[in-house]
């Protein structure tokens, strides 16, 4: 809770700096403001703090995903990985370059394991493997539609291989978003891995704190300086505010990558398993030809 709470309190302070004169002394304040002030006078100090904390948490919960996404788009931190293929593009995975390469190796390893299971069950040619993947919606079987086309049209093989690279990159992005959080939670369920869970959780919490507060802290610096010293304050505070914002956002992204890289290492060393690939193995084991 601490990341959205911290962000929410910062946004409330910014709002207070802008609005407190209107709320406390302006004859033009509206009925909503009057109602809020009347409520403040009716409740105890503890009740007011609870209500304020709840408001801060709601505001922070809304702003946190937005500031995290904005940080990933604006601040370079090595999380965008170029993909070779017929259409050049890059993916943002939330991993370092090392973590991304390790996850791609895990994807290929799991694909080979599932393929070996299927081959032992009689799926002994490329077209049969690809057709099984399509029929069972096993989308992680190395871009099955492309494999099937390559088997039927060998002249398209080079293009299909490039599509396979792109597909692996998109798969990596989905695994980071959907599977790695589940791997993290599973670590807490075993006594042997609970300490590992705590270490990764601490790194992730530090990342989330920085990604939640980098923008409101920068704005608060500018707002205070502008209120105190006018246009001169805005000009003087802009550079340090931007520097602090970039520094916090960069630290948050690199810590988040470190947490995700650690989870990839957990999967790579087989201490934990990706749920998506568990399902793929179950599908392959239950296959009949």
C-alpha atoms as a PDB file:
ATOM      1  CA  UNK A   1       0.000   0.000   0.000  1.00  0.00           C
ATOM      2  CA  UNK A   2       2.860   2.392   0.613  1.00  0.00           C
ATOM      3  CA  UNK A   3       3.514   3.324  -3.038  1.00  0.00           C
ATOM      4  CA  UNK A   4      -0.041   4.496  -3.875  1.00  0.00           C
ATOM      5  CA  UNK A   5      -0.367   6.124  -0.442  1.00  0.00           C
ATOM      6  CA  UNK A   6       2.857   8.106  -0.895  1.00  0.00           C
ATOM      7  CA  UNK A   7       1.850   9.177  -4.390  1.00  0.00           C
ATOM      8  CA  UNK A   8      -1.670  10.070  -3.253  1.00  0.00           C
ATOM      9  CA  UNK A   9      -0.432  12.252  -0.401  1.00  0.00           C
ATOM     10  CA  UNK A  10       1.894  14.100  -2.783  1.00  0.00           C
ATOM     11  CA  UNK A  11      -0.976  14.770  -5.207  1.00  0.00           C
ATOM     12  CA  UNK A  12      -3.135  16.004  -2.297  1.00  0.00           C
ATOM     13  CA  UNK A  13      -0.390  18.390  -1.167  1.00  0.00           C
ATOM     14  CA  UNK A  14      -0.167  19.762  -4.717  1.00  0.00           C
ATOM     15  CA  UNK A  15      -3.953  20.195  -4.808  1.00  0.00           C
ATOM     16  CA  UNK A  16      -3.890  21.899  -1.391  1.00  0.00           C
ATOM     17  CA  UNK A  17      -1.243  24.401  -2.500  1.00  0.00           C
ATOM     18  CA  UNK A  18      -3.389  25.324  -5.490  1.00  0.00           C
ATOM     19  CA  UNK A  19      -6.811  25.321  -3.818  1.00  0.00           C
ATOM     20  CA  UNK A  20      -6.485  26.084  -0.110  1.00  0.00           C
ATOM     21  CA  UNK A  21      -7.151  29.817  -0.461  1.00  0.00           C
ATOM     22  CA  UNK A  22     -10.355  29.148  -2.385  1.00  0.00           C
ATOM     23  CA  UNK A  23     -11.439  26.510   0.108  1.00  0.00           C
ATOM     24  CA  UNK A  24     -10.709  28.492   3.282  1.00  0.00           C
ATOM     25  CA  UNK A  25     -11.413  32.118   2.498  1.00  0.00           C
ATOM     26  CA  UNK A  26     -12.874  32.695  -0.955  1.00  0.00           C
ATOM     27  CA  UNK A  27     -16.523  33.886  -1.023  1.00  0.00           C
ATOM     28  CA  UNK A  28     -16.833  32.144  -4.401  1.00  0.00           C
ATOM     29  CA  UNK A  29     -16.370  28.590  -3.154  1.00  0.00           C
ATOM     30  CA  UNK A  30     -19.082  26.193  -4.209  1.00  0.00           C
ATOM     31  CA  UNK A  31     -21.470  23.904  -2.362  1.00  0.00           C
ATOM     32  CA  UNK A  32     -19.197  20.869  -2.729  1.00  0.00           C
ATOM     33  CA  UNK A  33     -16.362  22.727  -1.003  1.00  0.00           C
ATOM     34  CA  UNK A  34     -18.713  23.881   1.754  1.00  0.00           C
ATOM     35  CA  UNK A  35     -19.876  20.296   2.286  1.00  0.00           C
ATOM     36  CA  UNK A  36     -16.301  19.003   2.544  1.00  0.00           C
ATOM     37  CA  UNK A  37     -15.348  21.712   5.029  1.00  0.00           C
ATOM     38  CA  UNK A  38     -18.480  21.036   7.093  1.00  0.00           C
ATOM     39  CA  UNK A  39     -17.646  17.339   7.165  1.00  0.00           C
ATOM     40  CA  UNK A  40     -14.119  18.154   8.303  1.00  0.00           C
ATOM     41  CA  UNK A  41     -15.528  20.085  11.236  1.00  0.00           C
ATOM     42  CA  UNK A  42     -17.893  17.270  12.195  1.00  0.00           C
ATOM     43  CA  UNK A  43     -15.451  14.354  12.362  1.00  0.00           C
ATOM     44  CA  UNK A  44     -12.625  13.805  14.833  1.00  0.00           C
ATOM     45  CA  UNK A  45      -8.992  14.338  13.945  1.00  0.00           C
ATOM     46  CA  UNK A  46      -8.484  10.579  13.685  1.00  0.00           C
ATOM     47  CA  UNK A  47     -11.503  10.261  11.396  1.00  0.00           C
ATOM     48  CA  UNK A  48     -10.238  13.061   9.203  1.00  0.00           C
ATOM     49  CA  UNK A  49      -6.827  11.378   8.919  1.00  0.00           C
ATOM     50  CA  UNK A  50      -8.498   8.084   7.972  1.00  0.00           C
ATOM     51  CA  UNK A  51     -10.623   9.795   5.326  1.00  0.00           C
ATOM     52  CA  UNK A  52      -7.613  11.668   3.988  1.00  0.00           C
ATOM     53  CA  UNK A  53      -5.572   8.460   3.836  1.00  0.00           C
ATOM     54  CA  UNK A  54      -8.360   6.698   1.971  1.00  0.00           C
ATOM     55  CA  UNK A  55      -8.538   9.546  -0.552  1.00  0.00           C
ATOM     56  CA  UNK A  56      -4.755   9.459  -0.938  1.00  0.00           C
ATOM     57  CA  UNK A  57      -4.809   5.712  -1.535  1.00  0.00           C
ATOM     58  CA  UNK A  58      -7.519   5.975  -4.203  1.00  0.00           C
ATOM     59  CA  UNK A  59      -5.718   8.814  -5.987  1.00  0.00           C
ATOM     60  CA  UNK A  60      -2.388   6.997  -5.770  1.00  0.00           C
ATOM     61  CA  UNK A  61      -3.901   3.735  -7.030  1.00  0.00           C
ATOM     62  CA  UNK A  62      -5.190   5.567 -10.100  1.00  0.00           C
ATOM     63  CA  UNK A  63      -2.005   7.529 -10.766  1.00  0.00           C
ATOM     64  CA  UNK A  64       0.521   4.743 -10.107  1.00  0.00           C
ATOM     65  CA  UNK A  65      -0.134   2.714 -13.305  1.00  0.00           C
ATOM     66  CA  UNK A  66      -0.150   5.930 -15.328  1.00  0.00           C
ATOM     67  CA  UNK A  67       3.166   7.203 -13.965  1.00  0.00           C
ATOM     68  CA  UNK A  68       4.743   3.740 -14.353  1.00  0.00           C
ATOM     69  CA  UNK A  69       3.692   3.541 -18.004  1.00  0.00           C
ATOM     70  CA  UNK A  70       4.848   7.105 -18.619  1.00  0.00           C
ATOM     71  CA  UNK A  71       8.240   6.363 -17.046  1.00  0.00           C
ATOM     72  CA  UNK A  72       8.704   3.289 -19.252  1.00  0.00           C
ATOM     73  CA  UNK A  73       7.970   5.381 -22.347  1.00  0.00           C
ATOM     74  CA  UNK A  74      10.054   8.437 -21.474  1.00  0.00           C
ATOM     75  CA  UNK A  75      13.074   7.124 -19.569  1.00  0.00           C
ATOM     76  CA  UNK A  76      15.567   4.812 -21.309  1.00  0.00           C
ATOM     77  CA  UNK A  77      16.434   1.939 -19.003  1.00  0.00           C
ATOM     78  CA  UNK A  78      17.276  -0.944 -21.317  1.00  0.00           C
ATOM     79  CA  UNK A  79      13.802  -2.483 -21.313  1.00  0.00           C
ATOM     80  CA  UNK A  80      13.161  -2.074 -25.056  1.00  0.00           C
ATOM     81  CA  UNK A  81      14.572  -4.889 -27.137  1.00  0.00           C
ATOM     82  CA  UNK A  82      14.830  -4.752 -30.947  1.00  0.00           C
ATOM     83  CA  UNK A  83      13.340  -7.729 -32.740  1.00  0.00           C
ATOM     84  CA  UNK A  84      14.739  -9.032 -35.991  1.00  0.00           C
ATOM     85  CA  UNK A  85      12.192 -10.124 -38.538  1.00  0.00           C
ATOM     86  CA  UNK A  86      10.272  -9.178 -41.650  1.00  0.00           C
ATOM     87  CA  UNK A  87       8.879  -6.168 -39.749  1.00  0.00           C
ATOM     88  CA  UNK A  88      11.425  -4.424 -37.538  1.00  0.00           C
ATOM     89  CA  UNK A  89      10.110  -3.270 -34.165  1.00  0.00           C
ATOM     90  CA  UNK A  90      10.987  -3.296 -30.479  1.00  0.00           C
ATOM     91  CA  UNK A  91       9.199  -4.663 -27.443  1.00  0.00           C
ATOM     92  CA  UNK A  92       9.173  -3.357 -23.888  1.00  0.00           C
ATOM     93  CA  UNK A  93       9.391  -6.336 -21.568  1.00  0.00           C
ATOM     94  CA  UNK A  94      10.415  -4.916 -18.196  1.00  0.00           C
ATOM     95  CA  UNK A  95      13.612  -6.976 -18.339  1.00  0.00           C
ATOM     96  CA  UNK A  96      17.271  -6.095 -18.726  1.00  0.00           C
ATOM     97  CA  UNK A  97      19.036  -7.316 -21.860  1.00  0.00           C
ATOM     98  CA  UNK A  98      20.437 -10.266 -19.890  1.00  0.00           C
ATOM     99  CA  UNK A  99      17.034 -11.145 -18.439  1.00  0.00           C
ATOM    100  CA  UNK A 100      15.419 -10.909 -21.870  1.00  0.00           C
ATOM    101  CA  UNK A 101      17.972 -13.288 -23.401  1.00  0.00           C
ATOM    102  CA  UNK A 102      17.486 -15.741 -20.528  1.00  0.00           C
ATOM    103  CA  UNK A 103      13.705 -15.670 -20.918  1.00  0.00           C
ATOM    104  CA  UNK A 104      13.977 -16.292 -24.666  1.00  0.00           C
ATOM    105  CA  UNK A 105      16.183 -19.309 -23.884  1.00  0.00           C
ATOM    106  CA  UNK A 106      13.539 -20.580 -21.431  1.00  0.00           C
ATOM    107  CA  UNK A 107      10.832 -20.187 -24.086  1.00  0.00           C
ATOM    108  CA  UNK A 108      12.844 -22.189 -26.602  1.00  0.00           C
ATOM    109  CA  UNK A 109      13.666 -24.842 -23.989  1.00  0.00           C
ATOM    110  CA  UNK A 110      10.019 -25.306 -23.084  1.00  0.00           C
ATOM    111  CA  UNK A 111       9.020 -25.446 -26.732  1.00  0.00           C
ATOM    112  CA  UNK A 112      11.567 -28.214 -27.318  1.00  0.00           C
ATOM    113  CA  UNK A 113      10.318 -30.163 -24.286  1.00  0.00           C
ATOM    114  CA  UNK A 114       6.705 -29.994 -25.484  1.00  0.00           C
ATOM    115  CA  UNK A 115       7.771 -30.921 -29.008  1.00  0.00           C
ATOM    116  CA  UNK A 116       9.737 -33.952 -27.752  1.00  0.00           C
ATOM    117  CA  UNK A 117       6.664 -35.148 -25.855  1.00  0.00           C
ATOM    118  CA  UNK A 118       4.566 -34.836 -28.988  1.00  0.00           C
ATOM    119  CA  UNK A 119       7.154 -36.559 -31.189  1.00  0.00           C
ATOM    120  CA  UNK A 120       7.161 -39.527 -28.797  1.00  0.00           C
ATOM    121  CA  UNK A 121       3.381 -39.674 -29.211  1.00  0.00           C
ATOM    122  CA  UNK A 122       3.619 -39.939 -32.987  1.00  0.00           C
ATOM    123  CA  UNK A 123       3.610 -36.298 -34.105  1.00  0.00           C
ATOM    124  CA  UNK A 124       6.764 -36.963 -36.089  1.00  0.00           C
ATOM    125  CA  UNK A 125       6.695 -34.272 -38.785  1.00  0.00           C
ATOM    126  CA  UNK A 126       6.612 -30.474 -38.794  1.00  0.00           C
ATOM    127  CA  UNK A 127       3.176 -30.183 -40.344  1.00  0.00           C
ATOM    128  CA  UNK A 128       1.618 -32.546 -37.776  1.00  0.00           C
ATOM    129  CA  UNK A 129       3.186 -30.636 -34.866  1.00  0.00           C
ATOM    130  CA  UNK A 130       2.011 -27.300 -36.222  1.00  0.00           C
ATOM    131  CA  UNK A 131      -1.486 -28.600 -36.916  1.00  0.00           C
ATOM    132  CA  UNK A 132      -1.743 -29.987 -33.359  1.00  0.00           C
ATOM    133  CA  UNK A 133      -0.678 -26.590 -31.973  1.00  0.00           C
ATOM    134  CA  UNK A 134      -3.329 -24.821 -34.034  1.00  0.00           C
ATOM    135  CA  UNK A 135      -6.047 -27.330 -33.121  1.00  0.00           C
ATOM    136  CA  UNK A 136      -5.252 -27.023 -29.397  1.00  0.00           C
ATOM    137  CA  UNK A 137      -4.638 -23.270 -29.415  1.00  0.00           C
ATOM    138  CA  UNK A 138      -1.111 -23.976 -28.158  1.00  0.00           C
ATOM    139  CA  UNK A 139       0.166 -20.619 -29.363  1.00  0.00           C
ATOM    140  CA  UNK A 140       3.546 -21.001 -27.708  1.00  0.00           C
ATOM    141  CA  UNK A 141       4.590 -23.800 -30.025  1.00  0.00           C
ATOM    142  CA  UNK A 142       7.000 -21.615 -32.016  1.00  0.00           C
ATOM    143  CA  UNK A 143       4.385 -19.746 -34.092  1.00  0.00           C
ATOM    144  CA  UNK A 144       2.528 -22.869 -35.305  1.00  0.00           C
ATOM    145  CA  UNK A 145       0.746 -21.198 -38.213  1.00  0.00           C
ATOM    146  CA  UNK A 146       4.068 -20.052 -39.604  1.00  0.00           C
ATOM    147  CA  UNK A 147       5.641 -23.472 -39.086  1.00  0.00           C
ATOM    148  CA  UNK A 148       2.778 -25.086 -40.969  1.00  0.00           C
ATOM    149  CA  UNK A 149       3.133 -22.647 -43.846  1.00  0.00           C
ATOM    150  CA  UNK A 150       6.906 -23.207 -43.937  1.00  0.00           C
ATOM    151  CA  UNK A 151       6.358 -26.964 -44.111  1.00  0.00           C
ATOM    152  CA  UNK A 152       3.945 -26.588 -47.006  1.00  0.00           C
ATOM    153  CA  UNK A 153       5.843 -23.777 -48.766  1.00  0.00           C
ATOM    154  CA  UNK A 154       9.609 -24.184 -48.212  1.00  0.00           C
ATOM    155  CA  UNK A 155      10.371 -21.036 -50.225  1.00  0.00           C
ATOM    156  CA  UNK A 156       8.799 -19.005 -47.397  1.00  0.00           C
ATOM    157  CA  UNK A 157      11.004 -20.516 -44.687  1.00  0.00           C
ATOM    158  CA  UNK A 158      13.264 -17.480 -44.165  1.00  0.00           C
ATOM    159  CA  UNK A 159      10.300 -15.162 -43.695  1.00  0.00           C
ATOM    160  CA  UNK A 160       8.622 -17.616 -41.327  1.00  0.00           C
ATOM    161  CA  UNK A 161      11.824 -17.933 -39.270  1.00  0.00           C
ATOM    162  CA  UNK A 162      11.809 -14.150 -38.836  1.00  0.00           C
ATOM    163  CA  UNK A 163       8.188 -14.271 -37.748  1.00  0.00           C
ATOM    164  CA  UNK A 164       9.172 -16.905 -35.197  1.00  0.00           C
ATOM    165  CA  UNK A 165      11.690 -14.467 -33.670  1.00  0.00           C
ATOM    166  CA  UNK A 166       9.033 -11.794 -33.410  1.00  0.00           C
ATOM    167  CA  UNK A 167       6.569 -14.266 -31.918  1.00  0.00           C
ATOM    168  CA  UNK A 168       9.091 -15.311 -29.255  1.00  0.00           C
ATOM    169  CA  UNK A 169       9.589 -11.651 -28.292  1.00  0.00           C
ATOM    170  CA  UNK A 170       5.868 -11.020 -27.984  1.00  0.00           C
ATOM    171  CA  UNK A 171       5.562 -14.234 -25.965  1.00  0.00           C
ATOM    172  CA  UNK A 172       8.281 -12.964 -23.609  1.00  0.00           C
ATOM    173  CA  UNK A 173       6.359  -9.729 -23.087  1.00  0.00           C
ATOM    174  CA  UNK A 174       3.167 -11.642 -22.220  1.00  0.00           C
ATOM    175  CA  UNK A 175       4.996 -13.985 -19.842  1.00  0.00           C
ATOM    176  CA  UNK A 176       6.502 -11.050 -17.921  1.00  0.00           C
ATOM    177  CA  UNK A 177       3.093  -9.412 -17.635  1.00  0.00           C
ATOM    178  CA  UNK A 178       1.001 -12.467 -16.752  1.00  0.00           C
ATOM    179  CA  UNK A 179       3.210 -15.341 -15.539  1.00  0.00           C
ATOM    180  CA  UNK A 180       6.095 -13.840 -13.572  1.00  0.00           C
ATOM    181  CA  UNK A 181       3.792 -12.296 -10.905  1.00  0.00           C
ATOM    182  CA  UNK A 182       2.315 -15.774 -10.338  1.00  0.00           C
ATOM    183  CA  UNK A 183       5.798 -17.299 -10.074  1.00  0.00           C
ATOM    184  CA  UNK A 184       6.592 -14.647  -7.457  1.00  0.00           C
ATOM    185  CA  UNK A 185       3.503 -15.504  -5.391  1.00  0.00           C
ATOM    186  CA  UNK A 186       4.291 -19.209  -5.531  1.00  0.00           C
ATOM    187  CA  UNK A 187       7.689 -18.561  -3.948  1.00  0.00           C
ATOM    188  CA  UNK A 188       5.898 -17.343  -0.802  1.00  0.00           C
ATOM    189  CA  UNK A 189       4.078 -20.664  -0.448  1.00  0.00           C
ATOM    190  CA  UNK A 190       7.172 -22.763   0.253  1.00  0.00           C
ATOM    191  CA  UNK A 191       9.450 -22.539   3.277  1.00  0.00           C
ATOM    192  CA  UNK A 192      12.459 -23.216   1.056  1.00  0.00           C
ATOM    193  CA  UNK A 193      11.774 -20.232  -1.215  1.00  0.00           C
ATOM    194  CA  UNK A 194      10.193 -17.764   1.218  1.00  0.00           C
ATOM    195  CA  UNK A 195      13.434 -15.862   1.751  1.00  0.00           C
ATOM    196  CA  UNK A 196      13.882 -15.588  -2.011  1.00  0.00           C
ATOM    197  CA  UNK A 197      10.316 -14.255  -2.269  1.00  0.00           C
ATOM    198  CA  UNK A 198      11.055 -11.600   0.374  1.00  0.00           C
ATOM    199  CA  UNK A 199      14.210 -10.421  -1.400  1.00  0.00           C
ATOM    200  CA  UNK A 200      12.469 -10.084  -4.762  1.00  0.00           C
ATOM    201  CA  UNK A 201       9.444  -8.492  -3.109  1.00  0.00           C
ATOM    202  CA  UNK A 202      11.635  -5.889  -1.431  1.00  0.00           C
ATOM    203  CA  UNK A 203      13.251  -4.965  -4.753  1.00  0.00           C
ATOM    204  CA  UNK A 204       9.852  -4.751  -6.440  1.00  0.00           C
ATOM    205  CA  UNK A 205       8.451  -2.576  -3.629  1.00  0.00           C
ATOM    206  CA  UNK A 206      11.364  -0.151  -3.974  1.00  0.00           C
ATOM    207  CA  UNK A 207      10.704   0.007  -7.711  1.00  0.00           C
ATOM    208  CA  UNK A 208       6.996   0.647  -7.262  1.00  0.00           C
ATOM    209  CA  UNK A 209       7.644   3.430  -4.748  1.00  0.00           C
ATOM    210  CA  UNK A 210       9.910   5.301  -7.160  1.00  0.00           C
ATOM    211  CA  UNK A 211       7.622   4.756 -10.135  1.00  0.00           C
ATOM    212  CA  UNK A 212       4.679   6.066  -8.101  1.00  0.00           C
ATOM    213  CA  UNK A 213       6.271   9.282  -6.793  1.00  0.00           C
ATOM    214  CA  UNK A 214       8.666  10.488  -9.520  1.00  0.00           C
ATOM    215  CA  UNK A 215       6.100  12.714 -11.251  1.00  0.00           C
ATOM    216  CA  UNK A 216       4.262  14.196  -8.228  1.00  0.00           C
ATOM    217  CA  UNK A 217       7.563  14.985  -6.491  1.00  0.00           C
ATOM    218  CA  UNK A 218       8.816  16.847  -9.563  1.00  0.00           C
ATOM    219  CA  UNK A 219       5.539  18.753  -9.855  1.00  0.00           C
ATOM    220  CA  UNK A 220       5.543  19.561  -6.133  1.00  0.00           C
ATOM    221  CA  UNK A 221       9.014  21.109  -6.406  1.00  0.00           C
ATOM    222  CA  UNK A 222       7.909  23.268  -9.319  1.00  0.00           C
ATOM    223  CA  UNK A 223       4.612  24.234  -7.658  1.00  0.00           C
ATOM    224  CA  UNK A 224       6.248  25.282  -4.383  1.00  0.00           C
ATOM    225  CA  UNK A 225       8.965  27.263  -6.165  1.00  0.00           C
ATOM    226  CA  UNK A 226       6.389  28.916  -8.419  1.00  0.00           C
ATOM    227  CA  UNK A 227       4.187  29.882  -5.489  1.00  0.00           C
ATOM    228  CA  UNK A 228       7.100  31.299  -3.506  1.00  0.00           C
ATOM    229  CA  UNK A 229       9.097  33.074  -6.221  1.00  0.00           C
ATOM    230  CA  UNK A 230       6.843  33.339  -9.247  1.00  0.00           C
ATOM    231  CA  UNK A 231       8.244  32.903 -12.739  1.00  0.00           C
ATOM    232  CA  UNK A 232      11.813  32.999 -11.447  1.00  0.00           C
ATOM    233  CA  UNK A 233      11.025  30.084  -9.149  1.00  0.00           C
ATOM    234  CA  UNK A 234       9.559  28.110 -12.026  1.00  0.00           C
ATOM    235  CA  UNK A 235      12.659  28.648 -14.137  1.00  0.00           C
ATOM    236  CA  UNK A 236      15.108  27.856 -11.344  1.00  0.00           C
ATOM    237  CA  UNK A 237      13.247  24.758 -10.148  1.00  0.00           C
ATOM    238  CA  UNK A 238      12.586  23.231 -13.579  1.00  0.00           C
ATOM    239  CA  UNK A 239      16.058  21.744 -14.084  1.00  0.00           C
ATOM    240  CA  UNK A 240      16.433  20.106 -10.631  1.00  0.00           C
ATOM    241  CA  UNK A 241      12.821  18.872 -10.762  1.00  0.00           C
ATOM    242  CA  UNK A 242      13.414  17.202 -14.133  1.00  0.00           C
ATOM    243  CA  UNK A 243      16.691  15.731 -12.886  1.00  0.00           C
ATOM    244  CA  UNK A 244      15.042  14.295  -9.770  1.00  0.00           C
ATOM    245  CA  UNK A 245      12.149  12.922 -11.822  1.00  0.00           C
ATOM    246  CA  UNK A 246      14.426  11.205 -14.341  1.00  0.00           C
ATOM    247  CA  UNK A 247      16.625   9.819 -11.568  1.00  0.00           C
ATOM    248  CA  UNK A 248      13.711   8.359  -9.613  1.00  0.00           C
ATOM    249  CA  UNK A 249      12.048   6.942 -12.731  1.00  0.00           C
ATOM    250  CA  UNK A 250      15.306   5.372 -13.907  1.00  0.00           C
ATOM    251  CA  UNK A 251      15.934   3.834 -10.497  1.00  0.00           C
ATOM    252  CA  UNK A 252      12.387   2.483 -10.423  1.00  0.00           C
ATOM    253  CA  UNK A 253      12.672   0.893 -13.864  1.00  0.00           C
ATOM    254  CA  UNK A 254      16.073  -0.660 -13.171  1.00  0.00           C
ATOM    255  CA  UNK A 255      14.877  -2.096  -9.832  1.00  0.00           C
ATOM    256  CA  UNK A 256      11.768  -3.493 -11.511  1.00  0.00           C
ATOM    257  CA  UNK A 257      13.977  -5.093 -14.164  1.00  0.00           C
ATOM    258  CA  UNK A 258      16.173  -6.547 -11.421  1.00  0.00           C
ATOM    259  CA  UNK A 259      13.112  -8.121  -9.751  1.00  0.00           C
ATOM    260  CA  UNK A 260      11.864  -9.537 -13.057  1.00  0.00           C
ATOM    261  CA  UNK A 261      15.350 -10.787 -13.954  1.00  0.00           C
ATOM    262  CA  UNK A 262      15.486 -12.626 -10.624  1.00  0.00           C
ATOM    263  CA  UNK A 263      12.160 -14.317 -11.388  1.00  0.00           C
ATOM    264  CA  UNK A 264      13.430 -15.332 -14.822  1.00  0.00           C
ATOM    265  CA  UNK A 265      16.489 -16.861 -13.122  1.00  0.00           C
ATOM    266  CA  UNK A 266      14.145 -18.742 -10.770  1.00  0.00           C
ATOM    267  CA  UNK A 267      12.366 -20.220 -13.793  1.00  0.00           C
ATOM    268  CA  UNK A 268      15.577 -20.843 -15.695  1.00  0.00           C
ATOM    269  CA  UNK A 269      17.025 -22.808 -12.766  1.00  0.00           C
ATOM    270  CA  UNK A 270      13.722 -24.743 -12.453  1.00  0.00           C
ATOM    271  CA  UNK A 271      13.098 -23.533  -8.893  1.00  0.00           C
ATOM    272  CA  UNK A 272       9.825 -22.100 -10.199  1.00  0.00           C
ATOM    273  CA  UNK A 273       7.725 -22.792 -13.279  1.00  0.00           C
ATOM    274  CA  UNK A 274       5.769 -20.579 -15.661  1.00  0.00           C
ATOM    275  CA  UNK A 275       2.047 -21.500 -15.538  1.00  0.00           C
ATOM    276  CA  UNK A 276       1.685 -21.050 -19.307  1.00  0.00           C
ATOM    277  CA  UNK A 277       4.321 -23.687 -20.006  1.00  0.00           C
ATOM    278  CA  UNK A 278       2.893 -26.012 -17.371  1.00  0.00           C
ATOM    279  CA  UNK A 279      -0.337 -25.920 -19.360  1.00  0.00           C
ATOM    280  CA  UNK A 280       1.561 -26.533 -22.612  1.00  0.00           C
ATOM    281  CA  UNK A 281       3.221 -29.647 -21.130  1.00  0.00           C
ATOM    282  CA  UNK A 282      -0.137 -30.917 -19.879  1.00  0.00           C
ATOM    283  CA  UNK A 283      -1.632 -30.421 -23.324  1.00  0.00           C
ATOM    284  CA  UNK A 284       1.268 -32.237 -24.972  1.00  0.00           C
ATOM    285  CA  UNK A 285       1.151 -35.102 -22.444  1.00  0.00           C
ATOM    286  CA  UNK A 286      -2.593 -35.586 -23.040  1.00  0.00           C
ATOM    287  CA  UNK A 287      -2.255 -35.435 -26.850  1.00  0.00           C
ATOM    288  CA  UNK A 288      -3.424 -38.341 -29.028  1.00  0.00           C
ATOM    289  CA  UNK A 289      -2.874 -38.855 -32.696  1.00  0.00           C
END
